N, C-alpha and C. Protein backbone atom coordinates (compact mmCIF):
# COMPACT_ATOMS: atom_id res chain seq x y z
N UNK A 1 -3.21 -21.65 -8.63
CA UNK A 1 -2.22 -20.86 -7.89
C UNK A 1 -1.69 -21.70 -6.72
N UNK A 2 -0.37 -21.76 -6.53
CA UNK A 2 0.18 -22.57 -5.44
C UNK A 2 -0.35 -22.12 -4.09
N UNK A 3 -0.59 -23.06 -3.21
CA UNK A 3 -1.13 -22.73 -1.90
C UNK A 3 -0.05 -22.68 -0.83
N UNK A 4 1.19 -23.00 -1.22
CA UNK A 4 2.27 -22.98 -0.26
C UNK A 4 3.03 -21.67 -0.35
N UNK A 5 3.84 -21.39 0.70
CA UNK A 5 4.67 -20.19 0.69
C UNK A 5 6.10 -20.60 0.38
N UNK A 6 6.83 -19.75 -0.31
CA UNK A 6 8.21 -20.03 -0.61
C UNK A 6 9.03 -19.70 0.64
N UNK A 7 9.41 -20.73 1.38
CA UNK A 7 10.15 -20.53 2.62
C UNK A 7 11.64 -20.69 2.35
N UNK A 8 12.40 -19.66 2.64
CA UNK A 8 13.85 -19.69 2.45
C UNK A 8 14.45 -18.65 3.36
N UNK A 9 15.77 -18.72 3.62
CA UNK A 9 16.40 -17.72 4.48
C UNK A 9 16.53 -16.38 3.78
N UNK A 10 16.08 -16.28 2.55
CA UNK A 10 16.23 -15.05 1.77
C UNK A 10 14.88 -14.46 1.39
N UNK A 11 14.01 -14.29 2.36
CA UNK A 11 12.72 -13.67 2.08
C UNK A 11 12.90 -12.21 1.71
N UNK A 12 11.90 -11.64 1.09
CA UNK A 12 11.95 -10.24 0.68
C UNK A 12 10.60 -9.58 0.90
N UNK A 13 10.59 -8.25 0.81
CA UNK A 13 9.34 -7.50 0.93
C UNK A 13 9.29 -6.42 -0.14
N UNK A 14 8.13 -6.24 -0.74
CA UNK A 14 7.88 -5.18 -1.71
C UNK A 14 6.70 -4.36 -1.19
N UNK A 15 6.94 -3.09 -0.91
CA UNK A 15 5.90 -2.23 -0.35
C UNK A 15 5.28 -1.40 -1.46
N UNK A 16 3.99 -1.63 -1.74
CA UNK A 16 3.24 -0.86 -2.72
C UNK A 16 2.61 0.32 -2.01
N UNK A 17 3.04 1.51 -2.36
CA UNK A 17 2.59 2.72 -1.68
C UNK A 17 2.05 3.73 -2.69
N UNK A 18 1.21 4.61 -2.22
CA UNK A 18 0.62 5.63 -3.08
C UNK A 18 -0.67 6.14 -2.45
N UNK A 19 -1.19 7.19 -3.00
CA UNK A 19 -2.44 7.77 -2.49
C UNK A 19 -3.59 6.76 -2.55
N UNK A 20 -4.56 6.84 -1.65
CA UNK A 20 -5.77 6.03 -1.79
C UNK A 20 -6.41 6.33 -3.15
N UNK A 21 -6.73 5.29 -3.89
CA UNK A 21 -7.31 5.48 -5.21
C UNK A 21 -6.29 5.49 -6.33
N UNK A 22 -5.01 5.38 -5.97
CA UNK A 22 -3.95 5.40 -6.99
C UNK A 22 -3.90 4.09 -7.78
N UNK A 23 -4.50 3.04 -7.21
CA UNK A 23 -4.48 1.74 -7.88
C UNK A 23 -3.45 0.78 -7.32
N UNK A 24 -2.87 1.12 -6.17
CA UNK A 24 -1.82 0.27 -5.61
C UNK A 24 -2.33 -1.11 -5.22
N UNK A 25 -3.56 -1.19 -4.71
CA UNK A 25 -4.11 -2.49 -4.32
C UNK A 25 -4.31 -3.39 -5.54
N UNK A 26 -4.87 -2.82 -6.59
CA UNK A 26 -5.12 -3.60 -7.80
C UNK A 26 -3.81 -4.08 -8.40
N UNK A 27 -2.83 -3.19 -8.48
CA UNK A 27 -1.54 -3.57 -9.06
C UNK A 27 -0.83 -4.59 -8.19
N UNK A 28 -0.89 -4.42 -6.87
CA UNK A 28 -0.22 -5.38 -5.99
C UNK A 28 -0.84 -6.77 -6.10
N UNK A 29 -2.17 -6.83 -6.28
CA UNK A 29 -2.84 -8.12 -6.46
C UNK A 29 -2.43 -8.76 -7.78
N UNK A 30 -2.35 -7.95 -8.84
CA UNK A 30 -1.95 -8.47 -10.14
C UNK A 30 -0.51 -8.98 -10.10
N UNK A 31 0.36 -8.23 -9.45
CA UNK A 31 1.76 -8.65 -9.33
C UNK A 31 1.87 -9.94 -8.52
N UNK A 32 1.09 -10.01 -7.46
CA UNK A 32 1.04 -11.23 -6.64
C UNK A 32 0.70 -12.45 -7.50
N UNK A 33 -0.32 -12.31 -8.33
CA UNK A 33 -0.73 -13.42 -9.20
C UNK A 33 0.32 -13.73 -10.26
N UNK A 34 0.93 -12.70 -10.82
CA UNK A 34 1.95 -12.90 -11.84
C UNK A 34 3.17 -13.63 -11.28
N UNK A 35 3.56 -13.26 -10.06
CA UNK A 35 4.69 -13.93 -9.43
C UNK A 35 4.34 -15.39 -9.13
N UNK A 36 3.12 -15.62 -8.65
CA UNK A 36 2.68 -16.99 -8.36
C UNK A 36 2.72 -17.85 -9.62
N UNK A 37 2.34 -17.27 -10.75
CA UNK A 37 2.36 -18.00 -12.03
C UNK A 37 3.78 -18.42 -12.40
N UNK A 38 4.77 -17.71 -11.87
CA UNK A 38 6.16 -18.04 -12.15
C UNK A 38 6.77 -18.88 -11.03
N UNK A 39 5.93 -19.31 -10.10
CA UNK A 39 6.40 -20.15 -9.00
C UNK A 39 7.00 -19.39 -7.84
N UNK A 40 6.81 -18.09 -7.82
CA UNK A 40 7.33 -17.26 -6.73
C UNK A 40 6.16 -16.88 -5.83
N UNK A 41 6.07 -17.51 -4.71
CA UNK A 41 4.92 -17.29 -3.84
C UNK A 41 5.23 -16.32 -2.71
N UNK A 42 4.20 -15.68 -2.22
CA UNK A 42 4.34 -14.71 -1.14
C UNK A 42 2.99 -14.52 -0.47
N UNK A 43 2.98 -13.68 0.55
CA UNK A 43 1.72 -13.31 1.19
C UNK A 43 1.52 -11.82 0.96
N UNK A 44 0.26 -11.39 1.00
CA UNK A 44 -0.06 -9.97 0.89
C UNK A 44 -0.54 -9.48 2.25
N UNK A 45 0.05 -8.39 2.70
CA UNK A 45 -0.37 -7.77 3.95
C UNK A 45 -1.03 -6.43 3.61
N UNK A 46 -2.30 -6.29 3.96
CA UNK A 46 -3.03 -5.07 3.68
C UNK A 46 -3.22 -4.27 4.97
N UNK A 47 -3.01 -2.98 4.88
CA UNK A 47 -3.12 -2.13 6.07
C UNK A 47 -4.51 -2.21 6.69
N UNK A 48 -5.56 -2.25 5.86
CA UNK A 48 -6.92 -2.28 6.39
C UNK A 48 -7.12 -3.49 7.31
N UNK A 49 -6.53 -4.61 6.95
CA UNK A 49 -6.66 -5.82 7.77
C UNK A 49 -5.97 -5.64 9.11
N UNK A 50 -4.80 -5.01 9.10
CA UNK A 50 -4.07 -4.75 10.35
C UNK A 50 -4.87 -3.79 11.23
N UNK A 51 -5.42 -2.75 10.61
CA UNK A 51 -6.20 -1.75 11.37
C UNK A 51 -7.40 -2.42 12.04
N UNK A 52 -8.12 -3.25 11.29
CA UNK A 52 -9.30 -3.92 11.85
C UNK A 52 -8.94 -4.82 13.01
N UNK A 53 -7.75 -5.39 12.95
CA UNK A 53 -7.32 -6.32 14.01
C UNK A 53 -7.04 -5.59 15.32
N UNK A 54 -6.48 -4.39 15.23
CA UNK A 54 -6.01 -3.70 16.43
C UNK A 54 -6.86 -2.51 16.88
N UNK A 55 -7.71 -2.00 15.99
CA UNK A 55 -8.50 -0.81 16.33
C UNK A 55 -9.98 -1.05 16.05
N UNK A 56 -10.79 -1.01 17.11
CA UNK A 56 -12.23 -1.26 16.95
C UNK A 56 -12.94 -0.12 16.21
N UNK A 57 -12.62 1.11 16.61
CA UNK A 57 -13.24 2.28 15.99
C UNK A 57 -12.15 3.23 15.51
N UNK A 58 -11.70 3.06 14.27
CA UNK A 58 -10.61 3.90 13.76
C UNK A 58 -10.95 5.38 13.79
N UNK A 59 -9.98 6.19 14.22
CA UNK A 59 -10.14 7.64 14.22
C UNK A 59 -9.15 8.30 13.26
N UNK A 60 -8.22 7.51 12.75
CA UNK A 60 -7.23 7.97 11.77
C UNK A 60 -6.43 9.16 12.29
N UNK A 61 -6.08 9.12 13.56
CA UNK A 61 -5.23 10.14 14.15
C UNK A 61 -3.77 9.82 13.83
N UNK A 62 -2.88 10.79 14.05
CA UNK A 62 -1.46 10.56 13.80
C UNK A 62 -0.93 9.44 14.68
N UNK A 63 -1.30 9.45 15.95
CA UNK A 63 -0.80 8.42 16.87
C UNK A 63 -1.33 7.04 16.51
N UNK A 64 -2.59 6.99 16.07
CA UNK A 64 -3.16 5.71 15.65
C UNK A 64 -2.43 5.18 14.41
N UNK A 65 -2.17 6.05 13.47
CA UNK A 65 -1.46 5.62 12.26
C UNK A 65 -0.05 5.17 12.59
N UNK A 66 0.63 5.88 13.49
CA UNK A 66 1.98 5.47 13.91
C UNK A 66 1.95 4.06 14.49
N UNK A 67 0.96 3.80 15.32
CA UNK A 67 0.82 2.50 15.97
C UNK A 67 0.55 1.40 14.94
N UNK A 68 -0.38 1.64 14.04
CA UNK A 68 -0.76 0.64 13.05
C UNK A 68 0.41 0.32 12.11
N UNK A 69 1.11 1.35 11.68
CA UNK A 69 2.24 1.11 10.78
C UNK A 69 3.39 0.39 11.47
N UNK A 70 3.56 0.62 12.77
CA UNK A 70 4.57 -0.14 13.50
C UNK A 70 4.20 -1.62 13.51
N UNK A 71 2.93 -1.91 13.76
CA UNK A 71 2.47 -3.30 13.75
C UNK A 71 2.67 -3.93 12.37
N UNK A 72 2.37 -3.16 11.33
CA UNK A 72 2.52 -3.67 9.97
C UNK A 72 3.98 -4.00 9.67
N UNK A 73 4.88 -3.09 10.00
CA UNK A 73 6.31 -3.31 9.74
C UNK A 73 6.82 -4.51 10.55
N UNK A 74 6.39 -4.61 11.80
CA UNK A 74 6.81 -5.74 12.64
C UNK A 74 6.36 -7.07 12.02
N UNK A 75 5.13 -7.11 11.53
CA UNK A 75 4.59 -8.34 10.93
C UNK A 75 5.35 -8.68 9.66
N UNK A 76 5.58 -7.70 8.82
CA UNK A 76 6.30 -7.94 7.57
C UNK A 76 7.72 -8.42 7.87
N UNK A 77 8.38 -7.79 8.81
CA UNK A 77 9.75 -8.16 9.17
C UNK A 77 9.80 -9.59 9.69
N UNK A 78 8.86 -9.94 10.54
CA UNK A 78 8.83 -11.30 11.10
C UNK A 78 8.67 -12.34 10.00
N UNK A 79 7.78 -12.07 9.05
CA UNK A 79 7.59 -13.02 7.96
C UNK A 79 8.83 -13.16 7.09
N UNK A 80 9.45 -12.03 6.77
CA UNK A 80 10.66 -12.07 5.94
C UNK A 80 11.77 -12.83 6.65
N UNK A 81 11.91 -12.59 7.95
CA UNK A 81 12.94 -13.29 8.72
C UNK A 81 12.70 -14.80 8.75
N UNK A 82 11.43 -15.20 8.59
CA UNK A 82 11.07 -16.61 8.53
C UNK A 82 11.13 -17.15 7.10
N UNK A 83 11.65 -16.35 6.18
CA UNK A 83 11.82 -16.81 4.81
C UNK A 83 10.58 -16.70 3.95
N UNK A 84 9.60 -15.93 4.40
CA UNK A 84 8.35 -15.77 3.64
C UNK A 84 8.38 -14.44 2.90
N UNK A 85 8.13 -14.48 1.62
CA UNK A 85 8.10 -13.27 0.82
C UNK A 85 6.82 -12.49 1.09
N UNK A 86 6.92 -11.16 1.10
CA UNK A 86 5.79 -10.33 1.51
C UNK A 86 5.54 -9.20 0.51
N UNK A 87 4.29 -9.04 0.14
CA UNK A 87 3.85 -7.85 -0.59
C UNK A 87 3.02 -7.03 0.38
N UNK A 88 3.42 -5.78 0.59
CA UNK A 88 2.71 -4.88 1.49
C UNK A 88 1.87 -3.91 0.67
N UNK A 89 0.60 -3.82 1.00
CA UNK A 89 -0.33 -2.91 0.33
C UNK A 89 -0.78 -1.88 1.36
N UNK A 90 -0.13 -0.70 1.36
CA UNK A 90 -0.44 0.30 2.38
C UNK A 90 0.00 1.68 1.91
N UNK A 91 -0.85 2.67 2.11
CA UNK A 91 -0.56 4.02 1.68
C UNK A 91 0.76 4.55 2.25
N UNK A 92 0.91 4.46 3.56
CA UNK A 92 2.13 4.93 4.22
C UNK A 92 2.50 6.33 3.77
N UNK A 93 1.67 7.30 4.14
CA UNK A 93 1.90 8.67 3.67
C UNK A 93 3.20 9.28 4.16
N UNK A 94 3.74 8.77 5.27
CA UNK A 94 5.03 9.24 5.76
C UNK A 94 6.14 8.33 5.24
N UNK A 95 7.17 8.93 4.66
CA UNK A 95 8.31 8.13 4.21
C UNK A 95 8.93 7.38 5.38
N UNK A 96 8.81 7.94 6.57
CA UNK A 96 9.38 7.31 7.77
C UNK A 96 8.89 5.87 7.93
N UNK A 97 7.60 5.63 7.66
CA UNK A 97 7.05 4.28 7.80
C UNK A 97 7.77 3.31 6.86
N UNK A 98 7.92 3.73 5.62
CA UNK A 98 8.58 2.87 4.62
C UNK A 98 10.05 2.71 4.92
N UNK A 99 10.67 3.81 5.38
CA UNK A 99 12.10 3.75 5.72
C UNK A 99 12.35 2.83 6.90
N UNK A 100 11.41 2.78 7.84
CA UNK A 100 11.55 1.86 8.98
C UNK A 100 11.59 0.41 8.50
N UNK A 101 10.74 0.09 7.53
CA UNK A 101 10.74 -1.26 6.96
C UNK A 101 12.05 -1.52 6.23
N UNK A 102 12.52 -0.53 5.49
CA UNK A 102 13.76 -0.66 4.73
C UNK A 102 14.94 -0.97 5.66
N UNK A 103 14.95 -0.33 6.84
CA UNK A 103 16.03 -0.54 7.80
C UNK A 103 16.03 -1.96 8.36
N UNK A 104 14.83 -2.53 8.49
CA UNK A 104 14.70 -3.84 9.14
C UNK A 104 14.74 -5.01 8.16
N UNK A 105 14.44 -4.74 6.89
CA UNK A 105 14.35 -5.82 5.90
C UNK A 105 15.44 -5.65 4.86
N UNK A 106 16.34 -6.62 4.79
CA UNK A 106 17.50 -6.52 3.91
C UNK A 106 17.10 -6.47 2.44
N UNK A 107 16.24 -7.38 2.02
CA UNK A 107 15.79 -7.40 0.62
C UNK A 107 14.44 -6.69 0.55
N UNK A 108 14.50 -5.43 0.21
CA UNK A 108 13.31 -4.58 0.28
C UNK A 108 13.22 -3.72 -0.97
N UNK A 109 12.01 -3.58 -1.48
CA UNK A 109 11.78 -2.70 -2.62
C UNK A 109 10.53 -1.86 -2.36
N UNK A 110 10.66 -0.57 -2.59
CA UNK A 110 9.52 0.33 -2.48
C UNK A 110 8.94 0.55 -3.87
N UNK A 111 7.66 0.25 -4.03
CA UNK A 111 6.98 0.42 -5.32
C UNK A 111 6.02 1.58 -5.17
N UNK A 112 6.39 2.74 -5.69
CA UNK A 112 5.55 3.92 -5.54
C UNK A 112 4.63 4.06 -6.75
N UNK A 113 3.33 4.01 -6.48
CA UNK A 113 2.32 4.14 -7.53
C UNK A 113 1.88 5.60 -7.58
N UNK A 114 2.31 6.30 -8.61
CA UNK A 114 1.97 7.72 -8.75
C UNK A 114 0.66 7.88 -9.51
N UNK A 115 -0.11 8.86 -9.09
CA UNK A 115 -1.39 9.13 -9.76
C UNK A 115 -1.87 10.50 -9.29
N UNK A 116 -2.32 11.35 -10.20
CA UNK A 116 -2.81 12.68 -9.79
C UNK A 116 -3.98 12.56 -8.82
N UNK A 117 -4.04 13.49 -7.87
CA UNK A 117 -5.11 13.46 -6.87
C UNK A 117 -6.49 13.48 -7.53
N UNK A 118 -6.65 14.23 -8.60
CA UNK A 118 -7.95 14.32 -9.27
C UNK A 118 -8.42 12.96 -9.77
N UNK A 119 -7.48 12.15 -10.27
CA UNK A 119 -7.82 10.81 -10.74
C UNK A 119 -8.14 9.90 -9.56
N UNK A 120 -7.37 10.03 -8.48
CA UNK A 120 -7.62 9.23 -7.28
C UNK A 120 -9.01 9.53 -6.71
N UNK A 121 -9.37 10.81 -6.70
CA UNK A 121 -10.68 11.21 -6.19
C UNK A 121 -11.79 10.56 -7.01
N UNK A 122 -11.64 10.59 -8.32
CA UNK A 122 -12.66 10.01 -9.20
C UNK A 122 -12.79 8.50 -8.98
N UNK A 123 -11.66 7.82 -8.84
CA UNK A 123 -11.68 6.37 -8.63
C UNK A 123 -12.29 6.03 -7.27
N UNK A 124 -11.85 6.76 -6.25
CA UNK A 124 -12.30 6.46 -4.89
C UNK A 124 -13.79 6.71 -4.73
N UNK A 125 -14.31 7.69 -5.44
CA UNK A 125 -15.73 8.01 -5.32
C UNK A 125 -16.62 6.90 -5.88
N UNK A 126 -16.05 6.01 -6.66
CA UNK A 126 -16.82 4.92 -7.27
C UNK A 126 -16.75 3.63 -6.46
N UNK A 127 -16.02 3.65 -5.35
CA UNK A 127 -15.91 2.45 -4.54
C UNK A 127 -17.25 2.09 -3.92
N UNK A 128 -17.44 0.80 -3.70
CA UNK A 128 -18.69 0.31 -3.15
C UNK A 128 -18.89 0.79 -1.71
N UNK A 129 -20.16 0.97 -1.34
CA UNK A 129 -20.47 1.35 0.04
C UNK A 129 -20.02 0.24 0.97
N UNK A 130 -19.57 0.65 2.14
CA UNK A 130 -19.11 -0.32 3.11
C UNK A 130 -17.59 -0.43 3.12
N UNK A 131 -16.95 0.08 2.06
CA UNK A 131 -15.50 0.09 2.05
C UNK A 131 -15.01 1.01 3.15
N UNK A 132 -13.88 0.67 3.75
CA UNK A 132 -13.42 1.42 4.92
C UNK A 132 -13.18 2.89 4.62
N UNK A 133 -12.89 3.23 3.34
CA UNK A 133 -12.65 4.64 3.01
C UNK A 133 -13.63 5.14 1.94
N UNK A 134 -14.77 4.53 1.86
CA UNK A 134 -15.74 4.92 0.85
C UNK A 134 -16.12 6.39 0.95
N UNK A 135 -16.06 7.11 -0.19
CA UNK A 135 -16.40 8.53 -0.27
C UNK A 135 -15.51 9.41 0.60
N UNK A 136 -14.35 8.91 0.92
CA UNK A 136 -13.44 9.63 1.81
C UNK A 136 -13.04 11.00 1.27
N UNK A 137 -12.58 11.03 0.03
CA UNK A 137 -12.13 12.29 -0.56
C UNK A 137 -13.27 13.32 -0.67
N UNK A 138 -14.40 12.87 -1.18
CA UNK A 138 -15.52 13.79 -1.38
C UNK A 138 -15.97 14.41 -0.07
N UNK A 139 -16.01 13.59 0.97
CA UNK A 139 -16.41 14.12 2.28
C UNK A 139 -15.36 15.06 2.85
N UNK A 140 -14.07 14.71 2.64
CA UNK A 140 -12.99 15.56 3.14
C UNK A 140 -12.99 16.92 2.44
N UNK A 141 -13.25 16.91 1.13
CA UNK A 141 -13.31 18.16 0.38
C UNK A 141 -14.50 19.01 0.80
N UNK A 142 -15.64 18.34 1.06
CA UNK A 142 -16.83 19.07 1.51
C UNK A 142 -16.57 19.69 2.88
N UNK A 143 -15.89 18.95 3.73
CA UNK A 143 -15.57 19.46 5.07
C UNK A 143 -14.66 20.68 4.96
N UNK A 144 -13.70 20.61 4.05
CA UNK A 144 -12.74 21.70 3.89
C UNK A 144 -13.40 22.94 3.27
N UNK A 145 -14.31 22.72 2.33
CA UNK A 145 -14.92 23.84 1.61
C UNK A 145 -16.12 24.45 2.34
N UNK A 146 -16.91 23.58 2.98
CA UNK A 146 -18.16 24.05 3.59
C UNK A 146 -18.18 23.97 5.11
N UNK A 147 -17.17 23.34 5.68
CA UNK A 147 -17.14 23.20 7.13
C UNK A 147 -18.04 22.08 7.64
N UNK A 148 -18.47 21.20 6.74
CA UNK A 148 -19.32 20.06 7.14
C UNK A 148 -18.56 19.18 8.13
N UNK A 149 -19.32 18.51 8.98
CA UNK A 149 -18.70 17.64 9.98
C UNK A 149 -19.07 16.18 9.72
N UNK A 150 -18.06 15.32 9.75
CA UNK A 150 -18.25 13.88 9.61
C UNK A 150 -17.49 13.22 10.75
N UNK A 151 -18.22 12.74 11.74
CA UNK A 151 -17.59 12.21 12.94
C UNK A 151 -16.71 11.00 12.67
N UNK A 152 -17.01 10.25 11.61
CA UNK A 152 -16.23 9.04 11.34
C UNK A 152 -15.06 9.30 10.40
N UNK A 153 -14.83 10.57 10.07
CA UNK A 153 -13.79 10.90 9.10
C UNK A 153 -12.64 11.64 9.76
N UNK A 154 -11.48 10.98 9.80
CA UNK A 154 -10.29 11.62 10.35
C UNK A 154 -9.59 12.44 9.28
N UNK A 155 -8.34 12.78 9.53
CA UNK A 155 -7.56 13.52 8.54
C UNK A 155 -7.35 12.64 7.30
N UNK A 156 -7.63 13.19 6.15
CA UNK A 156 -7.56 12.43 4.91
C UNK A 156 -6.27 12.75 4.15
N UNK A 157 -5.54 11.71 3.83
CA UNK A 157 -4.28 11.86 3.10
C UNK A 157 -4.56 12.40 1.70
N UNK A 158 -3.83 13.41 1.32
CA UNK A 158 -4.02 14.02 0.01
C UNK A 158 -4.87 15.27 0.05
N UNK A 159 -5.68 15.40 1.13
CA UNK A 159 -6.52 16.59 1.30
C UNK A 159 -6.10 17.35 2.56
N UNK A 160 -6.12 16.66 3.69
CA UNK A 160 -5.78 17.30 4.97
C UNK A 160 -4.30 17.18 5.32
N UNK A 161 -3.70 16.09 4.93
CA UNK A 161 -2.28 15.86 5.21
C UNK A 161 -1.60 15.37 3.94
N UNK A 162 -0.34 15.73 3.74
CA UNK A 162 0.34 15.38 2.48
C UNK A 162 0.81 13.93 2.44
N UNK A 163 0.91 13.43 1.23
CA UNK A 163 1.55 12.13 0.99
C UNK A 163 2.99 12.43 0.60
N UNK A 164 3.94 11.84 1.31
CA UNK A 164 5.35 12.10 1.07
C UNK A 164 5.91 11.12 0.04
N UNK A 165 6.14 11.63 -1.16
CA UNK A 165 6.70 10.79 -2.21
C UNK A 165 8.18 10.51 -1.92
N UNK A 166 8.67 9.44 -2.52
CA UNK A 166 10.09 9.10 -2.41
C UNK A 166 10.67 9.02 -3.81
N UNK A 167 11.35 10.06 -4.26
CA UNK A 167 11.92 10.05 -5.61
C UNK A 167 13.00 8.99 -5.79
N UNK A 168 13.45 8.40 -4.68
CA UNK A 168 14.48 7.37 -4.74
C UNK A 168 13.91 5.97 -4.58
N UNK A 169 12.59 5.83 -4.65
CA UNK A 169 11.97 4.50 -4.55
C UNK A 169 12.54 3.60 -5.64
N UNK A 170 12.67 2.33 -5.33
CA UNK A 170 13.27 1.39 -6.28
C UNK A 170 12.47 1.29 -7.57
N UNK A 171 11.14 1.37 -7.43
CA UNK A 171 10.27 1.27 -8.61
C UNK A 171 9.22 2.37 -8.52
N UNK A 172 9.12 3.18 -9.57
CA UNK A 172 8.11 4.24 -9.62
C UNK A 172 7.31 4.06 -10.90
N UNK A 173 5.98 4.01 -10.76
CA UNK A 173 5.11 3.81 -11.93
C UNK A 173 3.99 4.84 -11.92
N UNK A 174 3.68 5.37 -13.07
CA UNK A 174 2.57 6.32 -13.20
C UNK A 174 1.32 5.53 -13.59
N UNK A 175 0.42 5.37 -12.64
CA UNK A 175 -0.77 4.54 -12.89
C UNK A 175 -1.94 5.33 -13.46
N UNK A 176 -1.70 6.57 -13.86
CA UNK A 176 -2.75 7.31 -14.56
C UNK A 176 -2.65 7.04 -16.06
N UNK A 177 -1.55 6.38 -16.44
CA UNK A 177 -1.33 6.06 -17.85
C UNK A 177 -1.33 4.54 -18.01
N UNK A 178 -1.66 4.08 -19.21
CA UNK A 178 -1.71 2.65 -19.52
C UNK A 178 -2.78 1.97 -18.66
N UNK A 179 -2.92 0.68 -18.83
CA UNK A 179 -3.90 -0.06 -18.03
C UNK A 179 -3.17 -0.76 -16.89
N UNK A 180 -3.91 -1.08 -15.85
CA UNK A 180 -3.30 -1.68 -14.65
C UNK A 180 -2.52 -2.95 -14.98
N UNK A 181 -3.04 -3.77 -15.89
CA UNK A 181 -2.37 -5.02 -16.24
C UNK A 181 -0.97 -4.75 -16.79
N UNK A 182 -0.87 -3.76 -17.67
CA UNK A 182 0.43 -3.42 -18.26
C UNK A 182 1.37 -2.85 -17.21
N UNK A 183 0.85 -1.99 -16.34
CA UNK A 183 1.69 -1.43 -15.29
C UNK A 183 2.15 -2.50 -14.30
N UNK A 184 1.27 -3.45 -14.01
CA UNK A 184 1.63 -4.54 -13.11
C UNK A 184 2.75 -5.39 -13.71
N UNK A 185 2.68 -5.62 -15.01
CA UNK A 185 3.72 -6.40 -15.68
C UNK A 185 5.06 -5.67 -15.60
N UNK A 186 5.02 -4.35 -15.77
CA UNK A 186 6.24 -3.55 -15.65
C UNK A 186 6.82 -3.67 -14.25
N UNK A 187 5.96 -3.58 -13.24
CA UNK A 187 6.41 -3.69 -11.86
C UNK A 187 6.97 -5.09 -11.59
N UNK A 188 6.26 -6.10 -12.04
CA UNK A 188 6.72 -7.48 -11.82
C UNK A 188 8.11 -7.71 -12.41
N UNK A 189 8.30 -7.26 -13.63
CA UNK A 189 9.61 -7.43 -14.27
C UNK A 189 10.70 -6.67 -13.54
N UNK A 190 10.35 -5.48 -13.03
CA UNK A 190 11.33 -4.68 -12.27
C UNK A 190 11.68 -5.36 -10.96
N UNK A 191 10.70 -5.96 -10.31
CA UNK A 191 10.96 -6.69 -9.06
C UNK A 191 11.84 -7.89 -9.31
N UNK A 192 11.56 -8.62 -10.37
CA UNK A 192 12.39 -9.79 -10.71
C UNK A 192 13.85 -9.39 -10.86
N UNK A 193 14.06 -8.26 -11.49
CA UNK A 193 15.43 -7.78 -11.72
C UNK A 193 16.06 -7.23 -10.45
N UNK A 194 15.33 -6.39 -9.74
CA UNK A 194 15.90 -5.74 -8.56
C UNK A 194 16.16 -6.72 -7.43
N UNK A 195 15.19 -7.60 -7.17
CA UNK A 195 15.32 -8.55 -6.08
C UNK A 195 16.05 -9.83 -6.49
N UNK A 196 16.42 -9.89 -7.78
CA UNK A 196 17.12 -11.06 -8.32
C UNK A 196 16.33 -12.36 -8.06
N UNK A 197 15.07 -12.34 -8.44
CA UNK A 197 14.19 -13.49 -8.21
C UNK A 197 14.33 -14.50 -9.35
């Protein structure tokens, strides 16, 4: 895989969004590799990495999320302006976050990974311990049903607060069907066409 970045005045950004557990991280990584195989290099920006950089003890409050997403959009915009292509891997439950990036980045594509909440819950429950959102859904559902308290668990997207879909997203894929590899190939081909890569 090339170790250099494709630097040009025409950088672009593709934001992979969807519920936690929808498979957006896996698909974004596969697309990243597929593009690299074709000589199209970019960087991946993950929300978890941004959060760890700026917040010592995440509380997942609305104000904290607003702050983190602003930092993410600023970083992505700066890279694109420097001619570096960017893949963003972040839930972004508010369309406002994605729309802010769209306003600032001329060559922008929103890749919405759709997946039923029940499937996301099943996938997320199998994540390894130590993951930043490990057992998030199960604990949120227990809190909602039984009133259990988890001090390290803020509002959970999909259970406590809604995920705002964008029916006008440039690319929409149902990741509850087919395998991730096939869906990633579909996304990659759509990006090549939409972004004219």
